[in-house]
């Protein structure tokens, strides 16, 4: 199947589609298969599930800019809604099916308090290590890394990041 054939089939399909891009040698692909089969039967008649062997369709993966497998992509009315690369949880895969049905991206949940505290603690630990070594050489780089790690704990609440984020996304938007 050529990429054009894939997109034509996708446009003509009456139901939303979740596409599993996989390979026979891929361990995570085999790991998510039972959950994917459960969801396929749960959403039968409402969402179609297609499997595309990445080894057999490299041109399609290149055109869709898929660089890792497993990748699950949700399509509604021929348009991609959302995708997930890597073995995700049952809930994240359910969200892909729901996104295919609704045609809307799932709402991302924010960081939990334990996640924020863990990131802040790790960043402070790196900063302490850099401080105790006098910020010399490699440890100066480690101090910068500690700032990045700590920022990941609060970026979603930072007004400067909220102002810049849409502009950065527009700048790097996929075609």
N, C-alpha and C. Protein backbone atom coordinates (compact mmCIF):
# COMPACT_ATOMS: atom_id res chain seq x y z
N UNK A 1 0.85 -1.18 0.00
CA UNK A 1 0.00 0.00 0.00
C UNK A 1 0.90 1.24 0.00
N UNK A 2 0.61 2.16 -0.88
CA UNK A 2 1.36 3.41 -0.94
C UNK A 2 0.78 4.39 0.08
N UNK A 3 1.53 5.42 0.44
CA UNK A 3 0.96 6.42 1.35
C UNK A 3 -0.33 7.04 0.81
N UNK A 4 -0.38 7.28 -0.49
CA UNK A 4 -1.60 7.85 -1.07
C UNK A 4 -2.78 6.90 -0.92
N UNK A 5 -2.53 5.59 -1.09
CA UNK A 5 -3.58 4.60 -0.89
C UNK A 5 -4.09 4.62 0.56
N UNK A 6 -3.14 4.74 1.48
CA UNK A 6 -3.50 4.79 2.89
C UNK A 6 -4.42 5.98 3.18
N UNK A 7 -4.03 7.15 2.71
CA UNK A 7 -4.83 8.35 2.97
C UNK A 7 -6.18 8.31 2.27
N UNK A 8 -6.22 7.73 1.09
CA UNK A 8 -7.50 7.59 0.38
C UNK A 8 -8.42 6.64 1.14
N UNK A 9 -7.88 5.53 1.59
CA UNK A 9 -8.67 4.57 2.38
C UNK A 9 -9.15 5.22 3.67
N UNK A 10 -8.29 6.03 4.27
CA UNK A 10 -8.64 6.72 5.51
C UNK A 10 -9.78 7.71 5.29
N UNK A 11 -9.73 8.45 4.17
CA UNK A 11 -10.78 9.42 3.86
C UNK A 11 -12.12 8.74 3.60
N UNK A 12 -12.08 7.59 2.95
CA UNK A 12 -13.31 6.89 2.60
C UNK A 12 -13.89 6.07 3.74
N UNK A 13 -13.12 5.82 4.78
CA UNK A 13 -13.59 4.98 5.88
C UNK A 13 -14.70 5.71 6.64
N UNK A 14 -15.85 5.07 6.85
CA UNK A 14 -16.97 5.75 7.50
C UNK A 14 -16.79 5.95 9.01
N UNK A 15 -15.90 5.19 9.62
CA UNK A 15 -15.70 5.28 11.06
C UNK A 15 -14.37 5.94 11.39
N UNK A 16 -14.25 6.49 12.59
CA UNK A 16 -12.93 6.94 13.04
C UNK A 16 -11.97 5.74 13.08
N UNK A 17 -10.67 6.03 13.01
CA UNK A 17 -9.68 4.96 12.94
C UNK A 17 -8.56 5.20 13.94
N UNK A 18 -8.14 4.13 14.61
CA UNK A 18 -6.91 4.15 15.40
C UNK A 18 -5.95 3.23 14.66
N UNK A 19 -4.78 3.76 14.29
CA UNK A 19 -3.79 2.99 13.55
C UNK A 19 -2.63 2.65 14.47
N UNK A 20 -2.30 1.36 14.51
CA UNK A 20 -1.18 0.85 15.29
C UNK A 20 -0.01 0.63 14.34
N UNK A 21 1.03 1.46 14.46
CA UNK A 21 2.25 1.29 13.67
C UNK A 21 3.19 0.46 14.53
N UNK A 22 3.51 -0.75 14.07
CA UNK A 22 4.22 -1.73 14.87
C UNK A 22 5.25 -2.47 14.01
N UNK A 23 5.99 -3.37 14.64
CA UNK A 23 6.90 -4.27 13.93
C UNK A 23 6.96 -5.59 14.70
N UNK A 24 7.16 -6.70 14.01
CA UNK A 24 7.17 -8.00 14.67
C UNK A 24 8.28 -8.16 15.70
N UNK A 25 9.39 -7.47 15.53
CA UNK A 25 10.53 -7.59 16.44
C UNK A 25 10.44 -6.66 17.64
N UNK A 26 9.42 -5.82 17.69
CA UNK A 26 9.30 -4.76 18.71
C UNK A 26 8.64 -5.30 19.98
N UNK A 27 9.40 -5.34 21.08
CA UNK A 27 8.87 -5.82 22.35
C UNK A 27 7.71 -4.99 22.88
N UNK A 28 7.84 -3.65 22.94
CA UNK A 28 6.72 -2.84 23.41
C UNK A 28 5.46 -2.99 22.55
N UNK A 29 5.66 -3.26 21.24
CA UNK A 29 4.50 -3.48 20.36
C UNK A 29 3.73 -4.72 20.80
N UNK A 30 4.46 -5.78 21.12
CA UNK A 30 3.82 -7.01 21.59
C UNK A 30 3.20 -6.80 22.97
N UNK A 31 3.82 -5.94 23.77
CA UNK A 31 3.33 -5.71 25.12
C UNK A 31 1.95 -5.03 25.13
N UNK A 32 1.71 -4.09 24.21
CA UNK A 32 0.43 -3.38 24.20
C UNK A 32 -0.65 -4.10 23.42
N UNK A 33 -0.28 -5.17 22.72
CA UNK A 33 -1.24 -5.87 21.86
C UNK A 33 -2.49 -6.37 22.61
N UNK A 34 -2.36 -7.01 23.79
CA UNK A 34 -3.58 -7.46 24.48
C UNK A 34 -4.52 -6.31 24.85
N UNK A 35 -3.97 -5.20 25.33
CA UNK A 35 -4.81 -4.05 25.69
C UNK A 35 -5.47 -3.47 24.44
N UNK A 36 -4.73 -3.43 23.36
CA UNK A 36 -5.28 -2.90 22.11
C UNK A 36 -6.41 -3.79 21.60
N UNK A 37 -6.27 -5.10 21.74
CA UNK A 37 -7.34 -6.01 21.32
C UNK A 37 -8.58 -5.83 22.19
N UNK A 38 -8.38 -5.62 23.50
CA UNK A 38 -9.53 -5.36 24.38
C UNK A 38 -10.26 -4.09 23.96
N UNK A 39 -9.51 -3.04 23.67
CA UNK A 39 -10.13 -1.78 23.25
C UNK A 39 -10.80 -1.93 21.88
N UNK A 40 -10.18 -2.71 21.01
CA UNK A 40 -10.77 -2.94 19.69
C UNK A 40 -12.14 -3.59 19.83
N UNK A 41 -12.27 -4.57 20.72
CA UNK A 41 -13.57 -5.22 20.90
C UNK A 41 -14.55 -4.30 21.64
N UNK A 42 -14.04 -3.51 22.57
CA UNK A 42 -14.89 -2.57 23.32
C UNK A 42 -15.47 -1.49 22.41
N UNK A 43 -14.70 -1.04 21.43
CA UNK A 43 -15.13 0.04 20.53
C UNK A 43 -15.59 -0.50 19.16
N UNK A 44 -15.81 -1.80 19.08
CA UNK A 44 -16.21 -2.41 17.81
C UNK A 44 -17.49 -1.76 17.27
N UNK A 45 -17.46 -1.43 16.00
CA UNK A 45 -18.60 -0.78 15.36
C UNK A 45 -18.61 0.73 15.51
N UNK A 46 -17.70 1.25 16.36
CA UNK A 46 -17.61 2.70 16.54
C UNK A 46 -16.26 3.26 16.09
N UNK A 47 -15.19 2.45 16.27
CA UNK A 47 -13.84 2.85 15.87
C UNK A 47 -13.18 1.64 15.21
N UNK A 48 -12.60 1.85 14.04
CA UNK A 48 -11.84 0.79 13.37
C UNK A 48 -10.40 0.83 13.85
N UNK A 49 -9.78 -0.33 13.94
CA UNK A 49 -8.36 -0.43 14.31
C UNK A 49 -7.62 -1.04 13.13
N UNK A 50 -6.61 -0.32 12.66
CA UNK A 50 -5.77 -0.81 11.58
C UNK A 50 -4.38 -1.04 12.12
N UNK A 51 -3.72 -2.06 11.62
CA UNK A 51 -2.33 -2.34 11.99
C UNK A 51 -1.46 -2.14 10.76
N UNK A 52 -0.39 -1.37 10.92
CA UNK A 52 0.55 -1.12 9.82
C UNK A 52 1.93 -1.57 10.27
N UNK A 53 2.48 -2.55 9.56
CA UNK A 53 3.81 -3.05 9.86
C UNK A 53 4.83 -2.01 9.38
N UNK A 54 5.57 -1.45 10.33
CA UNK A 54 6.52 -0.38 10.01
C UNK A 54 7.62 -0.84 9.07
N UNK A 55 8.00 -2.11 9.15
CA UNK A 55 9.05 -2.62 8.27
C UNK A 55 8.58 -2.71 6.83
N UNK A 56 7.29 -2.92 6.63
CA UNK A 56 6.75 -3.07 5.29
C UNK A 56 6.27 -1.75 4.68
N UNK A 57 6.12 -0.70 5.50
CA UNK A 57 5.59 0.58 5.01
C UNK A 57 6.48 1.77 5.41
N UNK A 58 7.77 1.74 5.11
CA UNK A 58 8.65 2.84 5.55
C UNK A 58 8.27 4.18 4.93
N UNK A 59 7.75 4.18 3.71
CA UNK A 59 7.38 5.45 3.06
C UNK A 59 6.21 6.11 3.79
N UNK A 60 5.26 5.30 4.23
CA UNK A 60 4.11 5.84 4.96
C UNK A 60 4.57 6.44 6.29
N UNK A 61 5.44 5.72 7.01
CA UNK A 61 5.93 6.23 8.28
C UNK A 61 6.71 7.52 8.08
N UNK A 62 7.48 7.58 7.01
CA UNK A 62 8.24 8.80 6.73
C UNK A 62 7.30 9.97 6.45
N UNK A 63 6.27 9.72 5.67
CA UNK A 63 5.32 10.79 5.32
C UNK A 63 4.56 11.28 6.55
N UNK A 64 4.25 10.35 7.48
CA UNK A 64 3.54 10.73 8.70
C UNK A 64 4.49 11.22 9.80
N UNK A 65 5.78 11.20 9.51
CA UNK A 65 6.81 11.61 10.47
C UNK A 65 6.74 10.78 11.76
N UNK A 66 6.66 9.50 11.57
CA UNK A 66 6.67 8.56 12.69
C UNK A 66 8.09 8.02 12.79
N UNK A 67 8.74 8.29 13.92
CA UNK A 67 10.15 7.93 14.09
C UNK A 67 10.36 6.87 15.15
N UNK A 68 9.31 6.43 15.80
CA UNK A 68 9.44 5.40 16.82
C UNK A 68 8.21 4.52 16.84
N UNK A 69 8.41 3.28 17.26
CA UNK A 69 7.27 2.36 17.37
C UNK A 69 7.29 1.73 18.75
N UNK A 70 6.18 1.34 19.26
CA UNK A 70 4.86 1.47 18.66
C UNK A 70 4.39 2.92 18.68
N UNK A 71 3.66 3.27 17.64
CA UNK A 71 2.97 4.55 17.60
C UNK A 71 1.51 4.26 17.29
N UNK A 72 0.63 4.81 18.11
CA UNK A 72 -0.81 4.72 17.88
C UNK A 72 -1.28 6.11 17.46
N UNK A 73 -2.01 6.17 16.36
CA UNK A 73 -2.51 7.46 15.86
C UNK A 73 -4.01 7.38 15.68
N UNK A 74 -4.72 8.39 16.17
CA UNK A 74 -6.18 8.47 16.04
C UNK A 74 -6.53 9.39 14.89
N UNK A 75 -7.48 8.95 14.06
CA UNK A 75 -7.94 9.74 12.93
C UNK A 75 -9.45 9.86 12.99
N UNK A 76 -9.95 11.05 12.69
CA UNK A 76 -11.38 11.29 12.60
C UNK A 76 -11.62 12.07 11.32
N UNK A 77 -12.52 11.57 10.49
CA UNK A 77 -12.84 12.20 9.20
C UNK A 77 -11.58 12.38 8.35
N UNK A 78 -10.67 11.41 8.42
CA UNK A 78 -9.46 11.45 7.62
C UNK A 78 -8.35 12.32 8.15
N UNK A 79 -8.58 13.01 9.26
CA UNK A 79 -7.57 13.91 9.83
C UNK A 79 -7.02 13.33 11.13
N UNK A 80 -5.70 13.45 11.31
CA UNK A 80 -5.09 12.97 12.55
C UNK A 80 -5.51 13.86 13.70
N UNK A 81 -5.94 13.22 14.78
CA UNK A 81 -6.36 13.96 15.97
C UNK A 81 -5.23 13.99 16.99
N UNK A 82 -4.69 12.82 17.29
CA UNK A 82 -3.64 12.73 18.30
C UNK A 82 -2.87 11.43 18.07
N UNK A 83 -1.63 11.40 18.57
CA UNK A 83 -0.84 10.18 18.48
C UNK A 83 -0.06 9.97 19.77
N UNK A 84 0.31 8.73 19.96
CA UNK A 84 1.10 8.36 21.14
C UNK A 84 2.20 7.42 20.67
N UNK A 85 3.43 7.74 21.04
CA UNK A 85 4.56 6.88 20.70
C UNK A 85 5.03 6.20 21.97
N UNK A 86 5.27 4.91 21.87
CA UNK A 86 5.71 4.13 23.02
C UNK A 86 4.55 3.39 23.65
N UNK A 87 4.91 2.46 24.52
CA UNK A 87 3.90 1.66 25.20
C UNK A 87 3.25 2.52 26.28
N UNK A 88 1.99 2.82 26.12
CA UNK A 88 1.28 3.65 27.09
C UNK A 88 0.39 2.81 27.97
N UNK A 89 -0.21 3.46 28.92
CA UNK A 89 -1.13 2.80 29.84
C UNK A 89 -2.46 2.52 29.15
N UNK A 90 -3.26 1.70 29.79
CA UNK A 90 -4.60 1.40 29.25
C UNK A 90 -5.41 2.70 29.14
N UNK A 91 -5.26 3.58 30.13
CA UNK A 91 -6.00 4.86 30.11
C UNK A 91 -5.56 5.74 28.94
N UNK A 92 -4.26 5.79 28.67
CA UNK A 92 -3.81 6.63 27.56
C UNK A 92 -4.28 6.07 26.21
N UNK A 93 -4.35 4.74 26.11
CA UNK A 93 -4.86 4.15 24.87
C UNK A 93 -6.37 4.37 24.75
N UNK A 94 -7.09 4.31 25.87
CA UNK A 94 -8.52 4.61 25.85
C UNK A 94 -8.75 6.04 25.40
N UNK A 95 -7.90 6.95 25.86
CA UNK A 95 -8.00 8.36 25.45
C UNK A 95 -7.84 8.51 23.94
N UNK A 96 -6.98 7.68 23.33
CA UNK A 96 -6.80 7.73 21.87
C UNK A 96 -8.09 7.32 21.16
N UNK A 97 -8.76 6.29 21.68
CA UNK A 97 -10.02 5.85 21.06
C UNK A 97 -11.10 6.91 21.24
N UNK A 98 -11.16 7.51 22.42
CA UNK A 98 -12.14 8.57 22.66
C UNK A 98 -11.86 9.78 21.78
N UNK A 99 -10.58 10.10 21.56
CA UNK A 99 -10.21 11.22 20.69
C UNK A 99 -10.62 10.93 19.25
N UNK A 100 -10.47 9.67 18.84
CA UNK A 100 -10.89 9.31 17.49
C UNK A 100 -12.40 9.50 17.34
N UNK A 101 -13.16 9.12 18.36
CA UNK A 101 -14.61 9.28 18.32
C UNK A 101 -15.04 10.74 18.29
N UNK A 102 -14.45 11.53 19.18
CA UNK A 102 -14.88 12.92 19.31
C UNK A 102 -14.25 13.85 18.28
N UNK A 103 -13.08 13.48 17.80
CA UNK A 103 -12.36 14.36 16.87
C UNK A 103 -11.63 15.48 17.58
N UNK A 104 -11.54 15.39 18.92
CA UNK A 104 -10.86 16.42 19.71
C UNK A 104 -9.72 15.81 20.50
N UNK A 105 -8.64 16.57 20.64
CA UNK A 105 -7.50 16.09 21.40
C UNK A 105 -7.90 15.91 22.87
N UNK A 106 -7.38 14.86 23.50
CA UNK A 106 -7.68 14.69 24.92
C UNK A 106 -7.02 15.78 25.75
N UNK A 107 -7.66 16.14 26.85
CA UNK A 107 -7.11 17.16 27.74
C UNK A 107 -5.98 16.53 28.53
N UNK A 108 -4.83 17.18 28.51
CA UNK A 108 -3.69 16.67 29.24
C UNK A 108 -3.82 17.02 30.71
N UNK A 109 -3.57 16.02 31.54
CA UNK A 109 -3.58 16.25 32.98
C UNK A 109 -2.26 16.89 33.38
N UNK A 110 -2.30 17.79 34.33
CA UNK A 110 -1.10 18.43 34.81
C UNK A 110 -0.29 17.51 35.69
N UNK A 111 0.85 18.00 36.11
CA UNK A 111 1.70 17.22 37.01
C UNK A 111 1.05 17.09 38.38
N UNK A 112 1.25 15.95 38.99
CA UNK A 112 0.76 15.76 40.35
C UNK A 112 1.75 16.37 41.33
N UNK A 113 1.30 16.61 42.54
CA UNK A 113 2.18 17.20 43.55
C UNK A 113 3.41 16.33 43.81
N UNK A 114 3.28 15.02 43.94
CA UNK A 114 4.50 14.21 44.13
C UNK A 114 5.48 14.33 42.95
N UNK A 115 4.96 14.42 41.72
CA UNK A 115 5.84 14.59 40.56
C UNK A 115 6.59 15.91 40.64
N UNK A 116 5.87 16.97 41.01
CA UNK A 116 6.52 18.28 41.13
C UNK A 116 7.60 18.26 42.21
N UNK A 117 7.28 17.68 43.35
CA UNK A 117 8.25 17.62 44.45
C UNK A 117 9.46 16.78 44.09
N UNK A 118 9.25 15.69 43.38
CA UNK A 118 10.36 14.84 42.95
C UNK A 118 11.29 15.60 42.00
N UNK A 119 10.71 16.33 41.07
CA UNK A 119 11.53 17.10 40.13
C UNK A 119 12.28 18.22 40.84
N UNK A 120 11.59 18.91 41.75
CA UNK A 120 12.28 19.97 42.49
C UNK A 120 13.40 19.39 43.35
N UNK A 121 13.15 18.24 43.99
CA UNK A 121 14.18 17.60 44.81
C UNK A 121 15.38 17.16 43.99
N UNK A 122 15.12 16.59 42.81
CA UNK A 122 16.21 16.16 41.95
C UNK A 122 17.03 17.36 41.49
N UNK A 123 16.35 18.44 41.13
CA UNK A 123 17.05 19.65 40.71
C UNK A 123 17.88 20.24 41.83
N UNK A 124 17.32 20.27 43.03
CA UNK A 124 18.08 20.78 44.18
C UNK A 124 19.28 19.89 44.49
N UNK A 125 19.11 18.57 44.33
CA UNK A 125 20.23 17.65 44.55
C UNK A 125 21.35 17.91 43.56
N UNK A 126 21.01 18.12 42.30
CA UNK A 126 22.03 18.43 41.29
C UNK A 126 22.70 19.77 41.58
N UNK A 127 21.90 20.74 42.00
CA UNK A 127 22.46 22.05 42.33
C UNK A 127 23.41 21.95 43.52
N UNK A 128 23.06 21.17 44.52
CA UNK A 128 23.93 20.98 45.68
C UNK A 128 25.23 20.31 45.27
N UNK A 129 25.14 19.31 44.40
CA UNK A 129 26.34 18.64 43.92
C UNK A 129 27.25 19.61 43.18
N UNK A 130 26.68 20.47 42.34
CA UNK A 130 27.47 21.47 41.62
C UNK A 130 28.08 22.49 42.59
N UNK A 131 27.30 22.90 43.58
CA UNK A 131 27.78 23.87 44.58
C UNK A 131 28.94 23.30 45.39
N UNK A 132 28.78 22.05 45.84
CA UNK A 132 29.82 21.43 46.68
C UNK A 132 31.10 21.18 45.90
N UNK A 133 31.03 21.20 44.59
CA UNK A 133 32.22 21.00 43.76
C UNK A 133 32.75 22.32 43.22
N UNK A 134 32.20 23.42 43.68
CA UNK A 134 32.72 24.74 43.33
C UNK A 134 32.32 25.23 41.94
N UNK A 135 31.29 24.66 41.36
CA UNK A 135 30.83 25.07 40.03
C UNK A 135 31.95 25.07 38.99
N UNK A 136 32.92 24.17 39.14
CA UNK A 136 34.06 24.14 38.23
C UNK A 136 33.82 23.14 37.11
N UNK A 137 34.15 23.53 35.89
CA UNK A 137 34.10 22.63 34.74
C UNK A 137 32.74 22.01 34.51
N UNK A 138 32.72 20.70 34.55
CA UNK A 138 31.50 19.92 34.32
C UNK A 138 30.41 20.31 35.30
N UNK A 139 30.78 20.68 36.50
CA UNK A 139 29.79 20.98 37.54
C UNK A 139 29.03 22.27 37.26
N UNK A 140 29.61 23.16 36.47
CA UNK A 140 28.88 24.35 36.04
C UNK A 140 27.75 23.94 35.09
N UNK A 141 28.03 22.97 34.22
CA UNK A 141 27.01 22.42 33.34
C UNK A 141 25.93 21.72 34.16
N UNK A 142 26.34 21.03 35.20
CA UNK A 142 25.41 20.35 36.08
C UNK A 142 24.49 21.35 36.79
N UNK A 143 25.00 22.52 37.13
CA UNK A 143 24.18 23.56 37.76
C UNK A 143 23.11 24.04 36.78
N UNK A 144 23.48 24.20 35.51
CA UNK A 144 22.50 24.59 34.50
C UNK A 144 21.44 23.52 34.31
N UNK A 145 21.87 22.27 34.31
CA UNK A 145 20.93 21.16 34.20
C UNK A 145 19.97 21.12 35.38
N UNK A 146 20.46 21.46 36.55
CA UNK A 146 19.58 21.48 37.73
C UNK A 146 18.47 22.52 37.56
N UNK A 147 18.80 23.65 36.95
CA UNK A 147 17.78 24.67 36.70
C UNK A 147 16.72 24.17 35.73
N UNK A 148 17.15 23.44 34.70
CA UNK A 148 16.19 22.88 33.74
C UNK A 148 15.30 21.86 34.42
N UNK A 149 15.87 20.98 35.23
CA UNK A 149 15.09 19.97 35.94
C UNK A 149 14.06 20.63 36.86
N UNK A 150 14.48 21.66 37.58
CA UNK A 150 13.54 22.34 38.48
C UNK A 150 12.45 23.08 37.68
N UNK A 151 12.82 23.64 36.53
CA UNK A 151 11.83 24.33 35.71
C UNK A 151 10.75 23.38 35.22
N UNK A 152 11.11 22.10 34.96
CA UNK A 152 10.10 21.14 34.50
C UNK A 152 9.04 20.89 35.56
N UNK A 153 9.32 21.24 36.80
CA UNK A 153 8.34 21.07 37.87
C UNK A 153 7.30 22.18 37.88
N UNK A 154 7.62 23.34 37.29
CA UNK A 154 6.72 24.49 37.39
C UNK A 154 6.41 25.17 36.05
N UNK A 155 6.91 24.61 34.95
CA UNK A 155 6.77 25.29 33.66
C UNK A 155 5.32 25.57 33.30
N UNK A 156 4.41 24.65 33.66
CA UNK A 156 3.01 24.83 33.28
C UNK A 156 2.32 25.95 34.05
N UNK A 157 2.97 26.48 35.07
CA UNK A 157 2.42 27.59 35.84
C UNK A 157 3.17 28.90 35.61
N UNK A 158 4.15 28.87 34.73
CA UNK A 158 4.99 30.03 34.48
C UNK A 158 4.34 30.92 33.41
N UNK A 159 4.02 32.19 33.73
CA UNK A 159 3.35 33.05 32.75
C UNK A 159 4.21 33.35 31.52
N UNK A 160 5.51 33.41 31.69
CA UNK A 160 6.38 33.66 30.54
C UNK A 160 6.32 32.46 29.60
N UNK A 161 6.39 31.24 30.16
CA UNK A 161 6.31 30.04 29.33
C UNK A 161 4.95 29.95 28.64
N UNK A 162 3.89 30.30 29.34
CA UNK A 162 2.55 30.26 28.75
C UNK A 162 2.42 31.24 27.59
N UNK A 163 3.13 32.34 27.66
CA UNK A 163 3.09 33.32 26.57
C UNK A 163 3.94 32.86 25.39
N UNK A 164 5.08 32.21 25.66
CA UNK A 164 5.98 31.78 24.60
C UNK A 164 5.57 30.45 23.96
N UNK A 165 4.96 29.58 24.72
CA UNK A 165 4.65 28.23 24.26
C UNK A 165 3.84 28.19 22.96
N UNK A 166 2.74 28.95 22.82
CA UNK A 166 2.00 28.91 21.54
C UNK A 166 2.84 29.39 20.36
N UNK A 167 3.69 30.36 20.60
CA UNK A 167 4.54 30.87 19.52
C UNK A 167 5.57 29.82 19.09
N UNK A 168 6.14 29.12 20.07
CA UNK A 168 7.10 28.06 19.76
C UNK A 168 6.41 26.91 19.03
N UNK A 169 5.20 26.57 19.47
CA UNK A 169 4.47 25.49 18.81
C UNK A 169 4.14 25.86 17.38
N UNK A 170 3.77 27.11 17.13
CA UNK A 170 3.47 27.56 15.77
C UNK A 170 4.72 27.55 14.91
N UNK A 171 5.84 27.89 15.52
CA UNK A 171 7.11 27.92 14.79
C UNK A 171 7.54 26.52 14.35
N UNK A 172 7.31 25.54 15.21
CA UNK A 172 7.74 24.17 14.92
C UNK A 172 6.59 23.25 14.52
N UNK A 173 5.47 23.83 14.13
CA UNK A 173 4.28 23.06 13.77
C UNK A 173 4.55 22.17 12.57
N UNK A 174 4.02 20.94 12.65
CA UNK A 174 4.15 20.00 11.53
C UNK A 174 3.23 20.47 10.41
N UNK A 175 3.65 20.16 9.18
CA UNK A 175 2.86 20.52 8.00
C UNK A 175 1.60 19.71 7.94
